[in-house]
Amino acid sequence: MPTVTPVEYEDASPEVREVYDDFHRLRGDTDIPEYWKAIAHHPQSLKRAWTQFRDVMQPGALDTLTKEMIYLAVSATNRCDFCVEAHTNLARKLGMTEQMLGELMEVVALANGLNAYGVGYQVRPSDLARTSKK
């Protein structure tokens, strides 16, 4: 359940409308997601978060599908239901198949499980390096 009422475009300050307009220019979506509408209660945070998101998620050395799948993996680990749904849908639009999603979730489950051993046993990176074969 949201803790704030979403800031709709017609009720938004000029700073918030600027971010909403940029979202529409880049994404072409008709609606601003509830996530951004919630953050809009603090325009500085909205602008900072949107600018970082917009810049990082652009294609670079990693293509957009790979970035969306990484975002999905982290969101699943962090238990952000909104982000899991949003980035699953975005990744699917970019070509992620059910097989790819399944393999991604296997990697997430593997990493989370094996990370727990490392944390629980307090294994230091130097310990791992000494036991690996070269």
C-alpha atoms as a PDB file:
ATOM      1  CA  MET A   1       0.000   0.000   0.000  1.00  0.00           C
ATOM      2  CA  PRO A   2       1.494   3.358  -1.019  1.00  0.00           C
ATOM      3  CA  THR A   3       2.429   5.740   1.759  1.00  0.00           C
ATOM      4  CA  VAL A   4       1.772   8.838  -0.372  1.00  0.00           C
ATOM      5  CA  THR A   5      -0.769   9.947  -2.949  1.00  0.00           C
ATOM      6  CA  PRO A   6       0.780   9.946  -6.439  1.00  0.00           C
ATOM      7  CA  VAL A   7       1.560  13.370  -7.883  1.00  0.00           C
ATOM      8  CA  GLU A   8      -0.427  13.654 -11.118  1.00  0.00           C
ATOM      9  CA  TYR A   9       0.785  15.834 -13.974  1.00  0.00           C
ATOM     10  CA  GLU A  10      -1.951  18.440 -13.511  1.00  0.00           C
ATOM     11  CA  ASP A  11      -1.014  18.822  -9.819  1.00  0.00           C
ATOM     12  CA  ALA A  12       2.750  18.780 -10.364  1.00  0.00           C
ATOM     13  CA  SER A  13       5.155  21.653  -9.845  1.00  0.00           C
ATOM     14  CA  PRO A  14       7.091  22.959 -12.863  1.00  0.00           C
ATOM     15  CA  GLU A  15      10.175  20.963 -11.731  1.00  0.00           C
ATOM     16  CA  VAL A  16       8.175  17.749 -11.588  1.00  0.00           C
ATOM     17  CA  ARG A  17       6.478  18.427 -14.921  1.00  0.00           C
ATOM     18  CA  GLU A  18       9.913  18.860 -16.484  1.00  0.00           C
ATOM     19  CA  VAL A  19      10.859  15.320 -15.405  1.00  0.00           C
ATOM     20  CA  TYR A  20       7.486  13.933 -16.498  1.00  0.00           C
ATOM     21  CA  ASP A  21       7.894  15.590 -19.901  1.00  0.00           C
ATOM     22  CA  ASP A  22      11.404  14.129 -20.256  1.00  0.00           C
ATOM     23  CA  PHE A  23      10.019  10.702 -19.364  1.00  0.00           C
ATOM     24  CA  HIS A  24       7.406  11.033 -22.114  1.00  0.00           C
ATOM     25  CA  ARG A  25      10.015  12.189 -24.658  1.00  0.00           C
ATOM     26  CA  LEU A  26      12.267   9.220 -23.962  1.00  0.00           C
ATOM     27  CA  ARG A  27       9.774   6.476 -23.178  1.00  0.00           C
ATOM     28  CA  GLY A  28       6.749   7.501 -25.215  1.00  0.00           C
ATOM     29  CA  ASP A  29       4.518   5.984 -22.536  1.00  0.00           C
ATOM     30  CA  THR A  30       1.242   7.714 -21.883  1.00  0.00           C
ATOM     31  CA  ASP A  31       1.333   7.300 -18.116  1.00  0.00           C
ATOM     32  CA  ILE A  32       4.060   8.081 -15.630  1.00  0.00           C
ATOM     33  CA  PRO A  33       4.592   4.975 -13.457  1.00  0.00           C
ATOM     34  CA  GLU A  34       3.425   5.208  -9.852  1.00  0.00           C
ATOM     35  CA  TYR A  35       7.025   4.879  -8.670  1.00  0.00           C
ATOM     36  CA  TRP A  36       7.977   8.230 -10.185  1.00  0.00           C
ATOM     37  CA  LYS A  37       4.714   9.847  -9.050  1.00  0.00           C
ATOM     38  CA  ALA A  38       5.495   8.868  -5.456  1.00  0.00           C
ATOM     39  CA  ILE A  39       9.019  10.264  -5.564  1.00  0.00           C
ATOM     40  CA  ALA A  40       7.625  13.480  -7.066  1.00  0.00           C
ATOM     41  CA  HIS A  41       6.677  14.639  -3.586  1.00  0.00           C
ATOM     42  CA  HIS A  42      10.332  15.613  -3.303  1.00  0.00           C
ATOM     43  CA  PRO A  43      11.206  17.182  -6.684  1.00  0.00           C
ATOM     44  CA  GLN A  44      14.960  17.165  -6.041  1.00  0.00           C
ATOM     45  CA  SER A  45      14.929  13.413  -5.414  1.00  0.00           C
ATOM     46  CA  LEU A  46      12.748  12.837  -8.460  1.00  0.00           C
ATOM     47  CA  LYS A  47      15.065  14.797 -10.721  1.00  0.00           C
ATOM     48  CA  ARG A  48      18.195  13.118  -9.333  1.00  0.00           C
ATOM     49  CA  ALA A  49      16.712   9.602  -9.559  1.00  0.00           C
ATOM     50  CA  TRP A  50      15.262  10.128 -13.045  1.00  0.00           C
ATOM     51  CA  THR A  51      18.463  11.657 -14.416  1.00  0.00           C
ATOM     52  CA  GLN A  52      20.560   8.795 -13.064  1.00  0.00           C
ATOM     53  CA  PHE A  53      18.078   6.178 -14.308  1.00  0.00           C
ATOM     54  CA  ARG A  54      17.826   7.785 -17.764  1.00  0.00           C
ATOM     55  CA  ASP A  55      21.586   8.068 -18.169  1.00  0.00           C
ATOM     56  CA  VAL A  56      22.555   4.645 -16.822  1.00  0.00           C
ATOM     57  CA  MET A  57      19.892   2.699 -18.696  1.00  0.00           C
ATOM     58  CA  GLN A  58      20.909   4.050 -22.108  1.00  0.00           C
ATOM     59  CA  PRO A  59      22.750   1.584 -24.357  1.00  0.00           C
ATOM     60  CA  GLY A  60      26.502   1.612 -23.893  1.00  0.00           C
ATOM     61  CA  ALA A  61      29.022  -1.214 -23.570  1.00  0.00           C
ATOM     62  CA  LEU A  62      25.998  -3.190 -22.317  1.00  0.00           C
ATOM     63  CA  ASP A  63      22.893  -3.255 -24.478  1.00  0.00           C
ATOM     64  CA  THR A  64      19.545  -2.171 -23.057  1.00  0.00           C
ATOM     65  CA  LEU A  65      18.196  -5.729 -22.715  1.00  0.00           C
ATOM     66  CA  THR A  66      21.205  -6.760 -20.628  1.00  0.00           C
ATOM     67  CA  LYS A  67      20.774  -3.697 -18.409  1.00  0.00           C
ATOM     68  CA  GLU A  68      17.057  -4.438 -17.953  1.00  0.00           C
ATOM     69  CA  MET A  69      17.832  -8.033 -17.010  1.00  0.00           C
ATOM     70  CA  ILE A  70      20.438  -6.909 -14.473  1.00  0.00           C
ATOM     71  CA  TYR A  71      17.938  -4.420 -13.057  1.00  0.00           C
ATOM     72  CA  LEU A  72      15.361  -7.227 -12.832  1.00  0.00           C
ATOM     73  CA  ALA A  73      17.827  -9.512 -11.046  1.00  0.00           C
ATOM     74  CA  VAL A  74      18.725  -6.880  -8.460  1.00  0.00           C
ATOM     75  CA  SER A  75      15.059  -5.955  -7.994  1.00  0.00           C
ATOM     76  CA  ALA A  76      14.159  -9.597  -7.342  1.00  0.00           C
ATOM     77  CA  THR A  77      16.908  -9.818  -4.733  1.00  0.00           C
ATOM     78  CA  ASN A  78      15.797  -6.544  -3.117  1.00  0.00           C
ATOM     79  CA  ARG A  79      12.157  -7.678  -3.198  1.00  0.00           C
ATOM     80  CA  CYS A  80      10.899  -4.604  -5.043  1.00  0.00           C
ATOM     81  CA  ASP A  81       7.654  -5.890  -6.538  1.00  0.00           C
ATOM     82  CA  PHE A  82       7.071  -2.759  -8.612  1.00  0.00           C
ATOM     83  CA  CYS A  83      10.549  -2.921 -10.139  1.00  0.00           C
ATOM     84  CA  VAL A  84      10.355  -6.674 -10.801  1.00  0.00           C
ATOM     85  CA  GLU A  85       7.109  -6.231 -12.717  1.00  0.00           C
ATOM     86  CA  ALA A  86       8.228  -3.100 -14.566  1.00  0.00           C
ATOM     87  CA  HIS A  87      11.637  -4.415 -15.623  1.00  0.00           C
ATOM     88  CA  THR A  88      10.299  -7.870 -16.519  1.00  0.00           C
ATOM     89  CA  ASN A  89       7.847  -6.169 -18.873  1.00  0.00           C
ATOM     90  CA  LEU A  90      10.527  -3.883 -20.308  1.00  0.00           C
ATOM     91  CA  ALA A  91      12.946  -6.785 -20.809  1.00  0.00           C
ATOM     92  CA  ARG A  92      10.237  -8.811 -22.537  1.00  0.00           C
ATOM     93  CA  LYS A  93       9.562  -5.899 -24.903  1.00  0.00           C
ATOM     94  CA  LEU A  94      13.281  -5.918 -25.720  1.00  0.00           C
ATOM     95  CA  GLY A  95      13.310  -9.647 -26.490  1.00  0.00           C
ATOM     96  CA  MET A  96      13.761 -11.510 -23.216  1.00  0.00           C
ATOM     97  CA  THR A  97      12.213 -14.955 -23.589  1.00  0.00           C
ATOM     98  CA  GLU A  98      10.741 -17.159 -20.879  1.00  0.00           C
ATOM     99  CA  GLN A  99      13.878 -19.327 -21.157  1.00  0.00           C
ATOM    100  CA  MET A 100      16.092 -16.284 -20.589  1.00  0.00           C
ATOM    101  CA  LEU A 101      13.983 -15.239 -17.587  1.00  0.00           C
ATOM    102  CA  GLY A 102      14.267 -18.742 -16.146  1.00  0.00           C
ATOM    103  CA  GLU A 103      18.044 -18.787 -16.515  1.00  0.00           C
ATOM    104  CA  LEU A 104      18.303 -15.296 -15.052  1.00  0.00           C
ATOM    105  CA  MET A 105      16.311 -16.348 -11.983  1.00  0.00           C
ATOM    106  CA  GLU A 106      18.530 -19.430 -11.636  1.00  0.00           C
ATOM    107  CA  VAL A 107      21.587 -17.157 -11.515  1.00  0.00           C
ATOM    108  CA  VAL A 108      19.855 -14.883  -8.976  1.00  0.00           C
ATOM    109  CA  ALA A 109      18.954 -17.841  -6.767  1.00  0.00           C
ATOM    110  CA  LEU A 110      22.455 -19.310  -7.087  1.00  0.00           C
ATOM    111  CA  ALA A 111      24.209 -16.044  -6.266  1.00  0.00           C
ATOM    112  CA  ASN A 112      21.945 -15.269  -3.317  1.00  0.00           C
ATOM    113  CA  GLY A 113      22.395 -18.749  -1.899  1.00  0.00           C
ATOM    114  CA  LEU A 114      26.143 -18.918  -2.354  1.00  0.00           C
ATOM    115  CA  ASN A 115      26.578 -15.349  -1.111  1.00  0.00           C
ATOM    116  CA  ALA A 116      24.894 -16.427   2.129  1.00  0.00           C
ATOM    117  CA  TYR A 117      27.615 -19.035   2.675  1.00  0.00           C
ATOM    118  CA  GLY A 118      30.312 -16.444   2.116  1.00  0.00           C
ATOM    119  CA  VAL A 119      28.675 -14.018   4.520  1.00  0.00           C
ATOM    120  CA  GLY A 120      27.881 -16.692   7.098  1.00  0.00           C
ATOM    121  CA  TYR A 121      31.386 -18.111   7.059  1.00  0.00           C
ATOM    122  CA  GLN A 122      32.913 -14.639   6.799  1.00  0.00           C
ATOM    123  CA  VAL A 123      35.068 -15.732   3.864  1.00  0.00           C
ATOM    124  CA  ARG A 124      37.405 -12.939   2.804  1.00  0.00           C
ATOM    125  CA  PRO A 125      38.300 -12.421  -0.855  1.00  0.00           C
ATOM    126  CA  SER A 126      41.936 -13.145  -0.029  1.00  0.00           C
ATOM    127  CA  ASP A 127      40.893 -16.563   1.305  1.00  0.00           C
ATOM    128  CA  LEU A 128      39.149 -17.328  -1.957  1.00  0.00           C
ATOM    129  CA  ALA A 129      42.151 -16.243  -3.996  1.00  0.00           C
ATOM    130  CA  ARG A 130      44.511 -18.545  -2.071  1.00  0.00           C
ATOM    131  CA  THR A 131      42.316 -21.599  -2.679  1.00  0.00           C
ATOM    132  CA  SER A 132      41.687 -21.047  -6.382  1.00  0.00           C
ATOM    133  CA  LYS A 133      43.826 -22.793  -8.974  1.00  0.00           C
ATOM    134  CA  LYS A 134      45.713 -20.675 -11.463  1.00  0.00           C
END
